[in-house]
Protein backbone atom coordinates (compact mmCIF):
# COMPACT_ATOMS: atom_id res chain seq x y z
CA UNK A 1 0.00 0.00 0.00
CA UNK A 2 1.31 3.41 -0.90
CA UNK A 3 1.95 5.82 1.94
CA UNK A 4 -0.16 8.55 0.27
CA UNK A 5 -3.26 6.37 0.38
CA UNK A 6 -2.68 5.59 4.03
CA UNK A 7 -2.24 9.29 4.83
CA UNK A 8 -5.42 10.20 2.97
CA UNK A 9 -7.31 7.46 4.80
CA UNK A 10 -6.17 8.67 8.22
CA UNK A 11 -6.85 12.33 7.42
CA UNK A 12 -10.32 11.53 6.08
CA UNK A 13 -11.13 9.44 9.15
CA UNK A 14 -10.14 12.41 11.31
CA UNK A 15 -12.31 14.60 9.08
CA UNK A 16 -15.37 12.42 9.68
CA UNK A 17 -14.81 12.40 13.45
CA UNK A 18 -14.32 16.16 13.49
CA UNK A 19 -17.50 16.67 11.48
CA UNK A 20 -19.31 14.64 14.14
CA UNK A 21 -17.96 17.05 16.77
CA UNK A 22 -19.09 19.99 14.65
CA UNK A 23 -22.63 18.67 14.53
CA UNK A 24 -22.79 17.50 18.15
CA UNK A 25 -20.61 20.06 19.92
CA UNK A 26 -22.48 21.47 22.90
CA UNK A 27 -21.08 25.00 22.71
CA UNK A 28 -20.35 27.51 20.01
CA UNK A 29 -16.65 27.39 20.83
CA UNK A 30 -16.60 23.61 20.26
CA UNK A 31 -18.17 24.10 16.87
CA UNK A 32 -15.73 26.84 15.87
CA UNK A 33 -12.71 24.77 16.92
CA UNK A 34 -14.12 21.80 14.98
CA UNK A 35 -14.63 23.97 11.91
CA UNK A 36 -11.07 25.25 12.18
CA UNK A 37 -9.80 21.68 12.46
CA UNK A 38 -11.88 20.64 9.44
CA UNK A 39 -10.22 23.40 7.44
CA UNK A 40 -6.79 22.22 8.60
CA UNK A 41 -7.58 18.62 7.67
CA UNK A 42 -8.80 19.68 4.22
CA UNK A 43 -5.52 21.55 3.79
CA UNK A 44 -3.70 18.34 4.73
CA UNK A 45 -5.75 16.38 2.18
CA UNK A 46 -4.90 18.85 -0.57
CA UNK A 47 -1.20 18.85 0.34
CA UNK A 48 -0.97 15.04 0.28
CA UNK A 49 -2.83 14.94 -3.03
CA UNK A 50 -0.61 17.67 -4.51
CA UNK A 51 2.58 15.90 -3.49
CA UNK A 52 1.37 12.47 -4.63
CA UNK A 53 0.33 13.77 -8.06
CA UNK A 54 3.12 16.33 -8.55
CA UNK A 55 0.75 19.30 -8.72
CA UNK A 56 2.58 22.26 -7.15
CA UNK A 57 -0.16 24.68 -8.22
CA UNK A 58 -2.45 23.20 -5.57
CA UNK A 59 -0.03 24.36 -2.88
CA UNK A 60 -0.95 27.96 -3.76
CA UNK A 61 -4.57 27.07 -3.12
CA UNK A 62 -3.55 25.65 0.25
CA UNK A 63 -1.79 28.87 1.17
CA UNK A 64 -4.86 30.97 0.38
CA UNK A 65 -7.14 28.59 2.28
CA UNK A 66 -4.84 28.69 5.33
CA UNK A 67 -4.84 32.50 5.33
CA UNK A 68 -8.63 32.62 5.11
CA UNK A 69 -8.95 30.11 7.95
CA UNK A 70 -6.58 32.16 10.09
CA UNK A 71 -8.55 35.35 9.46
CA UNK A 72 -11.81 33.57 10.32
CA UNK A 73 -10.34 32.38 13.63
CA UNK A 74 -9.13 35.88 14.46
CA UNK A 75 -12.55 37.32 13.58
CA UNK A 76 -14.28 34.82 15.87
CA UNK A 77 -11.87 35.62 18.72
CA UNK A 78 -12.62 39.31 18.25
CA UNK A 79 -16.36 38.55 18.28
CA UNK A 80 -16.03 36.69 21.58
CA UNK A 81 -13.85 39.40 23.10
CA UNK A 82 -16.51 42.02 22.40
CA UNK A 83 -19.08 39.90 24.23
CA UNK A 84 -21.05 38.90 21.15
CA UNK A 85 -21.33 35.23 22.07
CA UNK A 86 -22.60 33.66 25.24
CA UNK A 87 -22.29 30.00 26.11
CA UNK A 88 -22.37 27.85 29.16
CA UNK A 89 -19.15 27.28 30.99
CA UNK A 90 -18.35 23.80 32.27
PDB file of N, CA and C in Angstrom:
ATOM      1  N   UNK A   1       0.845  -1.181   0.000  1.00  0.00           N
ATOM      2  CA  UNK A   1       0.000   0.000   0.000  1.00  0.00           C
ATOM      3  C   UNK A   1       0.890   1.244   0.000  1.00  0.00           C
ATOM      4  N   UNK A   2       0.527   2.178  -0.829  1.00  0.00           N
ATOM      5  CA  UNK A   2       1.313   3.411  -0.899  1.00  0.00           C
ATOM      6  C   UNK A   2       1.039   4.283   0.306  1.00  0.00           C
ATOM      7  N   UNK A   3       2.053   4.991   0.739  1.00  0.00           N
ATOM      8  CA  UNK A   3       1.946   5.817   1.935  1.00  0.00           C
ATOM      9  C   UNK A   3       0.936   6.953   1.748  1.00  0.00           C
ATOM     10  N   UNK A   4       0.782   7.452   0.514  1.00  0.00           N
ATOM     11  CA  UNK A   4      -0.159   8.546   0.273  1.00  0.00           C
ATOM     12  C   UNK A   4      -1.584   8.100   0.551  1.00  0.00           C
ATOM     13  N   UNK A   5      -1.910   6.872   0.138  1.00  0.00           N
ATOM     14  CA  UNK A   5      -3.259   6.372   0.382  1.00  0.00           C
ATOM     15  C   UNK A   5      -3.524   6.200   1.868  1.00  0.00           C
ATOM     16  N   UNK A   6      -2.522   5.743   2.588  1.00  0.00           N
ATOM     17  CA  UNK A   6      -2.677   5.590   4.033  1.00  0.00           C
ATOM     18  C   UNK A   6      -2.864   6.953   4.701  1.00  0.00           C
ATOM     19  N   UNK A   7      -2.094   7.939   4.276  1.00  0.00           N
ATOM     20  CA  UNK A   7      -2.240   9.285   4.832  1.00  0.00           C
ATOM     21  C   UNK A   7      -3.622   9.866   4.544  1.00  0.00           C
ATOM     22  N   UNK A   8      -4.083   9.693   3.321  1.00  0.00           N
ATOM     23  CA  UNK A   8      -5.417  10.199   2.972  1.00  0.00           C
ATOM     24  C   UNK A   8      -6.496   9.489   3.782  1.00  0.00           C
ATOM     25  N   UNK A   9      -6.344   8.208   4.016  1.00  0.00           N
ATOM     26  CA  UNK A   9      -7.315   7.464   4.804  1.00  0.00           C
ATOM     27  C   UNK A   9      -7.367   7.980   6.241  1.00  0.00           C
ATOM     28  N   UNK A  10      -6.219   8.192   6.840  1.00  0.00           N
ATOM     29  CA  UNK A  10      -6.168   8.673   8.222  1.00  0.00           C
ATOM     30  C   UNK A  10      -6.723  10.094   8.325  1.00  0.00           C
ATOM     31  N   UNK A  11      -6.361  10.946   7.395  1.00  0.00           N
ATOM     32  CA  UNK A  11      -6.850  12.331   7.421  1.00  0.00           C
ATOM     33  C   UNK A  11      -8.358  12.363   7.219  1.00  0.00           C
ATOM     34  N   UNK A  12      -8.873  11.537   6.320  1.00  0.00           N
ATOM     35  CA  UNK A  12     -10.316  11.531   6.081  1.00  0.00           C
ATOM     36  C   UNK A  12     -11.087  10.927   7.249  1.00  0.00           C
ATOM     37  N   UNK A  13     -10.500   9.961   7.945  1.00  0.00           N
ATOM     38  CA  UNK A  13     -11.127   9.440   9.152  1.00  0.00           C
ATOM     39  C   UNK A  13     -11.208  10.537  10.215  1.00  0.00           C
ATOM     40  N   UNK A  14     -10.139  11.292  10.372  1.00  0.00           N
ATOM     41  CA  UNK A  14     -10.144  12.412  11.312  1.00  0.00           C
ATOM     42  C   UNK A  14     -11.161  13.465  10.885  1.00  0.00           C
ATOM     43  N   UNK A  15     -11.335  13.648   9.598  1.00  0.00           N
ATOM     44  CA  UNK A  15     -12.315  14.604   9.076  1.00  0.00           C
ATOM     45  C   UNK A  15     -13.734  14.191   9.445  1.00  0.00           C
ATOM     46  N   UNK A  16     -14.038  12.912   9.321  1.00  0.00           N
ATOM     47  CA  UNK A  16     -15.367  12.416   9.678  1.00  0.00           C
ATOM     48  C   UNK A  16     -15.625  12.591  11.174  1.00  0.00           C
ATOM     49  N   UNK A  17     -14.645  12.248  12.001  1.00  0.00           N
ATOM     50  CA  UNK A  17     -14.808  12.400  13.447  1.00  0.00           C
ATOM     51  C   UNK A  17     -14.949  13.868  13.853  1.00  0.00           C
ATOM     52  N   UNK A  18     -14.225  14.738  13.188  1.00  0.00           N
ATOM     53  CA  UNK A  18     -14.319  16.164  13.487  1.00  0.00           C
ATOM     54  C   UNK A  18     -15.659  16.726  13.040  1.00  0.00           C
ATOM     55  N   UNK A  19     -16.173  16.228  11.921  1.00  0.00           N
ATOM     56  CA  UNK A  19     -17.498  16.671  11.478  1.00  0.00           C
ATOM     57  C   UNK A  19     -18.560  16.258  12.498  1.00  0.00           C
ATOM     58  N   UNK A  20     -18.382  15.083  13.102  1.00  0.00           N
ATOM     59  CA  UNK A  20     -19.311  14.645  14.136  1.00  0.00           C
ATOM     60  C   UNK A  20     -19.271  15.613  15.319  1.00  0.00           C
ATOM     61  N   UNK A  21     -18.081  16.077  15.685  1.00  0.00           N
ATOM     62  CA  UNK A  21     -17.960  17.050  16.769  1.00  0.00           C
ATOM     63  C   UNK A  21     -18.587  18.385  16.372  1.00  0.00           C
ATOM     64  N   UNK A  22     -18.473  18.750  15.117  1.00  0.00           N
ATOM     65  CA  UNK A  22     -19.085  19.994  14.647  1.00  0.00           C
ATOM     66  C   UNK A  22     -20.595  19.936  14.796  1.00  0.00           C
ATOM     67  N   UNK A  23     -21.181  18.816  14.447  1.00  0.00           N
ATOM     68  CA  UNK A  23     -22.633  18.671  14.529  1.00  0.00           C
ATOM     69  C   UNK A  23     -23.084  18.555  15.981  1.00  0.00           C
ATOM     70  N   UNK A  24     -22.361  17.812  16.791  1.00  0.00           N
ATOM     71  CA  UNK A  24     -22.787  17.495  18.145  1.00  0.00           C
ATOM     72  C   UNK A  24     -22.326  18.498  19.191  1.00  0.00           C
ATOM     73  N   UNK A  25     -21.240  19.204  18.925  1.00  0.00           N
ATOM     74  CA  UNK A  25     -20.609  20.064  19.924  1.00  0.00           C
ATOM     75  C   UNK A  25     -21.583  20.880  20.755  1.00  0.00           C
ATOM     76  N   UNK A  26     -21.476  20.817  22.065  1.00  0.00           N
ATOM     77  CA  UNK A  26     -22.476  21.473  22.905  1.00  0.00           C
ATOM     78  C   UNK A  26     -22.378  22.999  22.915  1.00  0.00           C
ATOM     79  N   UNK A  27     -21.203  23.546  22.654  1.00  0.00           N
ATOM     80  CA  UNK A  27     -21.077  25.004  22.708  1.00  0.00           C
ATOM     81  C   UNK A  27     -20.621  25.552  21.358  1.00  0.00           C
ATOM     82  N   UNK A  28     -20.778  26.841  21.231  1.00  0.00           N
ATOM     83  CA  UNK A  28     -20.349  27.513  20.005  1.00  0.00           C
ATOM     84  C   UNK A  28     -18.838  27.404  19.823  1.00  0.00           C
ATOM     85  N   UNK A  29     -18.107  27.497  20.917  1.00  0.00           N
ATOM     86  CA  UNK A  29     -16.647  27.394  20.829  1.00  0.00           C
ATOM     87  C   UNK A  29     -16.222  26.024  20.316  1.00  0.00           C
ATOM     88  N   UNK A  30     -16.896  24.953  20.766  1.00  0.00           N
ATOM     89  CA  UNK A  30     -16.597  23.610  20.261  1.00  0.00           C
ATOM     90  C   UNK A  30     -16.801  23.535  18.766  1.00  0.00           C
ATOM     91  N   UNK A  31     -17.866  24.131  18.302  1.00  0.00           N
ATOM     92  CA  UNK A  31     -18.166  24.095  16.866  1.00  0.00           C
ATOM     93  C   UNK A  31     -17.147  24.891  16.054  1.00  0.00           C
ATOM     94  N   UNK A  32     -16.710  26.021  16.590  1.00  0.00           N
ATOM     95  CA  UNK A  32     -15.730  26.837  15.869  1.00  0.00           C
ATOM     96  C   UNK A  32     -14.374  26.129  15.814  1.00  0.00           C
ATOM     97  N   UNK A  33     -13.976  25.511  16.909  1.00  0.00           N
ATOM     98  CA  UNK A  33     -12.712  24.768  16.915  1.00  0.00           C
ATOM     99  C   UNK A  33     -12.797  23.595  15.949  1.00  0.00           C
ATOM    100  N   UNK A  34     -13.947  22.909  15.919  1.00  0.00           N
ATOM    101  CA  UNK A  34     -14.123  21.797  14.984  1.00  0.00           C
ATOM    102  C   UNK A  34     -14.064  22.291  13.538  1.00  0.00           C
ATOM    103  N   UNK A  35     -14.674  23.423  13.265  1.00  0.00           N
ATOM    104  CA  UNK A  35     -14.634  23.968  11.907  1.00  0.00           C
ATOM    105  C   UNK A  35     -13.220  24.360  11.515  1.00  0.00           C
ATOM    106  N   UNK A  36     -12.468  24.907  12.449  1.00  0.00           N
ATOM    107  CA  UNK A  36     -11.074  25.250  12.184  1.00  0.00           C
ATOM    108  C   UNK A  36     -10.251  23.988  11.917  1.00  0.00           C
ATOM    109  N   UNK A  37     -10.504  22.935  12.683  1.00  0.00           N
ATOM    110  CA  UNK A  37      -9.799  21.676  12.462  1.00  0.00           C
ATOM    111  C   UNK A  37     -10.189  21.044  11.133  1.00  0.00           C
ATOM    112  N   UNK A  38     -11.450  21.162  10.744  1.00  0.00           N
ATOM    113  CA  UNK A  38     -11.876  20.644   9.440  1.00  0.00           C
ATOM    114  C   UNK A  38     -11.117  21.354   8.321  1.00  0.00           C
ATOM    115  N   UNK A  39     -10.977  22.655   8.445  1.00  0.00           N
ATOM    116  CA  UNK A  39     -10.218  23.405   7.441  1.00  0.00           C
ATOM    117  C   UNK A  39      -8.771  22.928   7.389  1.00  0.00           C
ATOM    118  N   UNK A  40      -8.169  22.707   8.546  1.00  0.00           N
ATOM    119  CA  UNK A  40      -6.791  22.225   8.596  1.00  0.00           C
ATOM    120  C   UNK A  40      -6.666  20.836   7.978  1.00  0.00           C
ATOM    121  N   UNK A  41      -7.621  19.966   8.243  1.00  0.00           N
ATOM    122  CA  UNK A  41      -7.583  18.622   7.667  1.00  0.00           C
ATOM    123  C   UNK A  41      -7.784  18.650   6.152  1.00  0.00           C
ATOM    124  N   UNK A  42      -8.631  19.539   5.672  1.00  0.00           N
ATOM    125  CA  UNK A  42      -8.803  19.681   4.223  1.00  0.00           C
ATOM    126  C   UNK A  42      -7.506  20.177   3.593  1.00  0.00           C
ATOM    127  N   UNK A  43      -6.826  21.091   4.272  1.00  0.00           N
ATOM    128  CA  UNK A  43      -5.523  21.554   3.795  1.00  0.00           C
ATOM    129  C   UNK A  43      -4.551  20.379   3.720  1.00  0.00           C
ATOM    130  N   UNK A  44      -4.555  19.531   4.742  1.00  0.00           N
ATOM    131  CA  UNK A  44      -3.697  18.345   4.731  1.00  0.00           C
ATOM    132  C   UNK A  44      -4.034  17.407   3.587  1.00  0.00           C
ATOM    133  N   UNK A  45      -5.325  17.203   3.315  1.00  0.00           N
ATOM    134  CA  UNK A  45      -5.750  16.381   2.181  1.00  0.00           C
ATOM    135  C   UNK A  45      -5.206  16.925   0.858  1.00  0.00           C
ATOM    136  N   UNK A  46      -5.346  18.227   0.682  1.00  0.00           N
ATOM    137  CA  UNK A  46      -4.897  18.847  -0.567  1.00  0.00           C
ATOM    138  C   UNK A  46      -3.385  18.744  -0.711  1.00  0.00           C
ATOM    139  N   UNK A  47      -2.661  18.930   0.393  1.00  0.00           N
ATOM    140  CA  UNK A  47      -1.198  18.846   0.343  1.00  0.00           C
ATOM    141  C   UNK A  47      -0.744  17.439  -0.025  1.00  0.00           C
ATOM    142  N   UNK A  48      -1.338  16.421   0.606  1.00  0.00           N
ATOM    143  CA  UNK A  48      -0.971  15.039   0.284  1.00  0.00           C
ATOM    144  C   UNK A  48      -1.288  14.730  -1.173  1.00  0.00           C
ATOM    145  N   UNK A  49      -2.450  15.170  -1.633  1.00  0.00           N
ATOM    146  CA  UNK A  49      -2.827  14.945  -3.029  1.00  0.00           C
ATOM    147  C   UNK A  49      -1.869  15.652  -3.983  1.00  0.00           C
ATOM    148  N   UNK A  50      -1.502  16.898  -3.651  1.00  0.00           N
ATOM    149  CA  UNK A  50      -0.607  17.667  -4.514  1.00  0.00           C
ATOM    150  C   UNK A  50       0.772  17.027  -4.598  1.00  0.00           C
ATOM    151  N   UNK A  51       1.267  16.535  -3.479  1.00  0.00           N
ATOM    152  CA  UNK A  51       2.581  15.900  -3.487  1.00  0.00           C
ATOM    153  C   UNK A  51       2.542  14.569  -4.221  1.00  0.00           C
ATOM    154  N   UNK A  52       1.479  13.791  -3.991  1.00  0.00           N
ATOM    155  CA  UNK A  52       1.375  12.471  -4.626  1.00  0.00           C
ATOM    156  C   UNK A  52       1.234  12.572  -6.141  1.00  0.00           C
ATOM    157  N   UNK A  53       0.578  13.630  -6.630  1.00  0.00           N
ATOM    158  CA  UNK A  53       0.326  13.769  -8.063  1.00  0.00           C
ATOM    159  C   UNK A  53       1.196  14.826  -8.733  1.00  0.00           C
ATOM    160  N   UNK A  54       2.182  15.338  -8.010  1.00  0.00           N
ATOM    161  CA  UNK A  54       3.116  16.325  -8.548  1.00  0.00           C
ATOM    162  C   UNK A  54       2.381  17.525  -9.136  1.00  0.00           C
ATOM    163  N   UNK A  55       1.533  18.130  -8.318  1.00  0.00           N
ATOM    164  CA  UNK A  55       0.750  19.298  -8.717  1.00  0.00           C
ATOM    165  C   UNK A  55       1.090  20.484  -7.800  1.00  0.00           C
ATOM    166  N   UNK A  56       2.182  21.175  -8.056  1.00  0.00           N
ATOM    167  CA  UNK A  56       2.584  22.262  -7.152  1.00  0.00           C
ATOM    168  C   UNK A  56       1.623  23.455  -7.152  1.00  0.00           C
ATOM    169  N   UNK A  57       0.798  23.574  -8.162  1.00  0.00           N
ATOM    170  CA  UNK A  57      -0.157  24.683  -8.216  1.00  0.00           C
ATOM    171  C   UNK A  57      -1.178  24.585  -7.086  1.00  0.00           C
ATOM    172  N   UNK A  58      -1.489  23.375  -6.655  1.00  0.00           N
ATOM    173  CA  UNK A  58      -2.446  23.198  -5.569  1.00  0.00           C
ATOM    174  C   UNK A  58      -1.915  23.727  -4.243  1.00  0.00           C
ATOM    175  N   UNK A  59      -0.613  23.831  -4.109  1.00  0.00           N
ATOM    176  CA  UNK A  59      -0.034  24.360  -2.881  1.00  0.00           C
ATOM    177  C   UNK A  59      -0.337  25.850  -2.727  1.00  0.00           C
ATOM    178  N   UNK A  60      -0.511  26.561  -3.832  1.00  0.00           N
ATOM    179  CA  UNK A  60      -0.952  27.959  -3.761  1.00  0.00           C
ATOM    180  C   UNK A  60      -2.374  28.050  -3.216  1.00  0.00           C
ATOM    181  N   UNK A  61      -3.216  27.132  -3.632  1.00  0.00           N
ATOM    182  CA  UNK A  61      -4.574  27.073  -3.116  1.00  0.00           C
ATOM    183  C   UNK A  61      -4.558  26.822  -1.611  1.00  0.00           C
ATOM    184  N   UNK A  62      -3.674  25.956  -1.168  1.00  0.00           N
ATOM    185  CA  UNK A  62      -3.555  25.647   0.252  1.00  0.00           C
ATOM    186  C   UNK A  62      -3.139  26.892   1.033  1.00  0.00           C
ATOM    187  N   UNK A  63      -2.237  27.650   0.495  1.00  0.00           N
ATOM    188  CA  UNK A  63      -1.785  28.867   1.170  1.00  0.00           C
ATOM    189  C   UNK A  63      -2.930  29.860   1.343  1.00  0.00           C
ATOM    190  N   UNK A  64      -3.714  30.058   0.306  1.00  0.00           N
ATOM    191  CA  UNK A  64      -4.856  30.968   0.380  1.00  0.00           C
ATOM    192  C   UNK A  64      -5.891  30.460   1.378  1.00  0.00           C
ATOM    193  N   UNK A  65      -6.172  29.175   1.348  1.00  0.00           N
ATOM    194  CA  UNK A  65      -7.137  28.594   2.282  1.00  0.00           C
ATOM    195  C   UNK A  65      -6.661  28.735   3.727  1.00  0.00           C
ATOM    196  N   UNK A  66      -5.378  28.547   3.977  1.00  0.00           N
ATOM    197  CA  UNK A  66      -4.843  28.692   5.327  1.00  0.00           C
ATOM    198  C   UNK A  66      -4.951  30.141   5.815  1.00  0.00           C
ATOM    199  N   UNK A  67      -4.709  31.091   4.944  1.00  0.00           N
ATOM    200  CA  UNK A  67      -4.845  32.501   5.328  1.00  0.00           C
ATOM    201  C   UNK A  67      -6.290  32.860   5.643  1.00  0.00           C
ATOM    202  N   UNK A  68      -7.218  32.357   4.853  1.00  0.00           N
ATOM    203  CA  UNK A  68      -8.633  32.621   5.111  1.00  0.00           C
ATOM    204  C   UNK A  68      -9.068  31.986   6.428  1.00  0.00           C
ATOM    205  N   UNK A  69      -8.611  30.786   6.698  1.00  0.00           N
ATOM    206  CA  UNK A  69      -8.953  30.115   7.953  1.00  0.00           C
ATOM    207  C   UNK A  69      -8.391  30.883   9.146  1.00  0.00           C
ATOM    208  N   UNK A  70      -7.175  31.379   9.008  1.00  0.00           N
ATOM    209  CA  UNK A  70      -6.579  32.164  10.085  1.00  0.00           C
ATOM    210  C   UNK A  70      -7.386  33.433  10.340  1.00  0.00           C
ATOM    211  N   UNK A  71      -7.769  34.125   9.290  1.00  0.00           N
ATOM    212  CA  UNK A  71      -8.553  35.350   9.458  1.00  0.00           C
ATOM    213  C   UNK A  71      -9.919  35.056  10.073  1.00  0.00           C
ATOM    214  N   UNK A  72     -10.519  33.936   9.729  1.00  0.00           N
ATOM    215  CA  UNK A  72     -11.806  33.568  10.321  1.00  0.00           C
ATOM    216  C   UNK A  72     -11.652  33.292  11.814  1.00  0.00           C
ATOM    217  N   UNK A  73     -10.576  32.650  12.209  1.00  0.00           N
ATOM    218  CA  UNK A  73     -10.341  32.382  13.627  1.00  0.00           C
ATOM    219  C   UNK A  73     -10.105  33.682  14.395  1.00  0.00           C
ATOM    220  N   UNK A  74      -9.362  34.587  13.821  1.00  0.00           N
ATOM    221  CA  UNK A  74      -9.126  35.884  14.457  1.00  0.00           C
ATOM    222  C   UNK A  74     -10.432  36.672  14.572  1.00  0.00           C
ATOM    223  N   UNK A  75     -11.272  36.625  13.543  1.00  0.00           N
ATOM    224  CA  UNK A  75     -12.555  37.325  13.583  1.00  0.00           C
ATOM    225  C   UNK A  75     -13.458  36.738  14.669  1.00  0.00           C
ATOM    226  N   UNK A  76     -13.462  35.428  14.816  1.00  0.00           N
ATOM    227  CA  UNK A  76     -14.279  34.822  15.865  1.00  0.00           C
ATOM    228  C   UNK A  76     -13.758  35.198  17.249  1.00  0.00           C
ATOM    229  N   UNK A  77     -12.441  35.225  17.423  1.00  0.00           N
ATOM    230  CA  UNK A  77     -11.872  35.618  18.716  1.00  0.00           C
ATOM    231  C   UNK A  77     -12.239  37.070  19.037  1.00  0.00           C
ATOM    232  N   UNK A  78     -12.233  37.923  18.045  1.00  0.00           N
ATOM    233  CA  UNK A  78     -12.625  39.312  18.249  1.00  0.00           C
ATOM    234  C   UNK A  78     -14.104  39.401  18.624  1.00  0.00           C
ATOM    235  N   UNK A  79     -14.926  38.584  17.994  1.00  0.00           N
ATOM    236  CA  UNK A  79     -16.360  38.552  18.281  1.00  0.00           C
ATOM    237  C   UNK A  79     -16.608  38.137  19.730  1.00  0.00           C
ATOM    238  N   UNK A  80     -15.877  37.137  20.195  1.00  0.00           N
ATOM    239  CA  UNK A  80     -16.030  36.687  21.579  1.00  0.00           C
ATOM    240  C   UNK A  80     -15.530  37.755  22.551  1.00  0.00           C
ATOM    241  N   UNK A  81     -14.426  38.387  22.206  1.00  0.00           N
ATOM    242  CA  UNK A  81     -13.849  39.399  23.095  1.00  0.00           C
ATOM    243  C   UNK A  81     -14.805  40.572  23.305  1.00  0.00           C
ATOM    244  N   UNK A  82     -15.564  40.917  22.294  1.00  0.00           N
ATOM    245  CA  UNK A  82     -16.511  42.023  22.400  1.00  0.00           C
ATOM    246  C   UNK A  82     -17.795  41.614  23.102  1.00  0.00           C
ATOM    247  N   UNK A  83     -17.903  40.351  23.496  1.00  0.00           N
ATOM    248  CA  UNK A  83     -19.084  39.901  24.231  1.00  0.00           C
ATOM    249  C   UNK A  83     -20.247  39.525  23.339  1.00  0.00           C
ATOM    250  N   UNK A  84     -19.980  39.218  22.080  1.00  0.00           N
ATOM    251  CA  UNK A  84     -21.055  38.900  21.154  1.00  0.00           C
ATOM    252  C   UNK A  84     -21.606  37.501  21.300  1.00  0.00           C
ATOM    253  N   UNK A  85     -20.873  36.623  21.949  1.00  0.00           N
ATOM    254  CA  UNK A  85     -21.333  35.234  22.071  1.00  0.00           C
ATOM    255  C   UNK A  85     -21.414  34.847  23.544  1.00  0.00           C
ATOM    256  N   UNK A  86     -22.478  34.196  23.895  1.00  0.00           N
ATOM    257  CA  UNK A  86     -22.598  33.665  25.237  1.00  0.00           C
ATOM    258  C   UNK A  86     -22.752  32.166  25.155  1.00  0.00           C
ATOM    259  N   UNK A  87     -22.147  31.456  26.065  1.00  0.00           N
ATOM    260  CA  UNK A  87     -22.286  30.005  26.112  1.00  0.00           C
ATOM    261  C   UNK A  87     -22.120  29.575  27.563  1.00  0.00           C
ATOM    262  N   UNK A  88     -22.483  28.354  27.797  1.00  0.00           N
ATOM    263  CA  UNK A  88     -22.365  27.845  29.159  1.00  0.00           C
ATOM    264  C   UNK A  88     -20.933  27.429  29.430  1.00  0.00           C
ATOM    265  N   UNK A  89     -20.506  27.672  30.611  1.00  0.00           N
ATOM    266  CA  UNK A  89     -19.153  27.280  30.993  1.00  0.00           C
ATOM    267  C   UNK A  89     -19.229  26.013  31.814  1.00  0.00           C
ATOM    268  N   UNK A  90     -18.342  25.065  31.537  1.00  0.00           N
ATOM    269  CA  UNK A  90     -18.346  23.797  32.265  1.00  0.00           C
ATOM    270  C   UNK A  90     -17.458  23.876  33.470  1.00  0.00           C
TER     271      UNK A  90
END
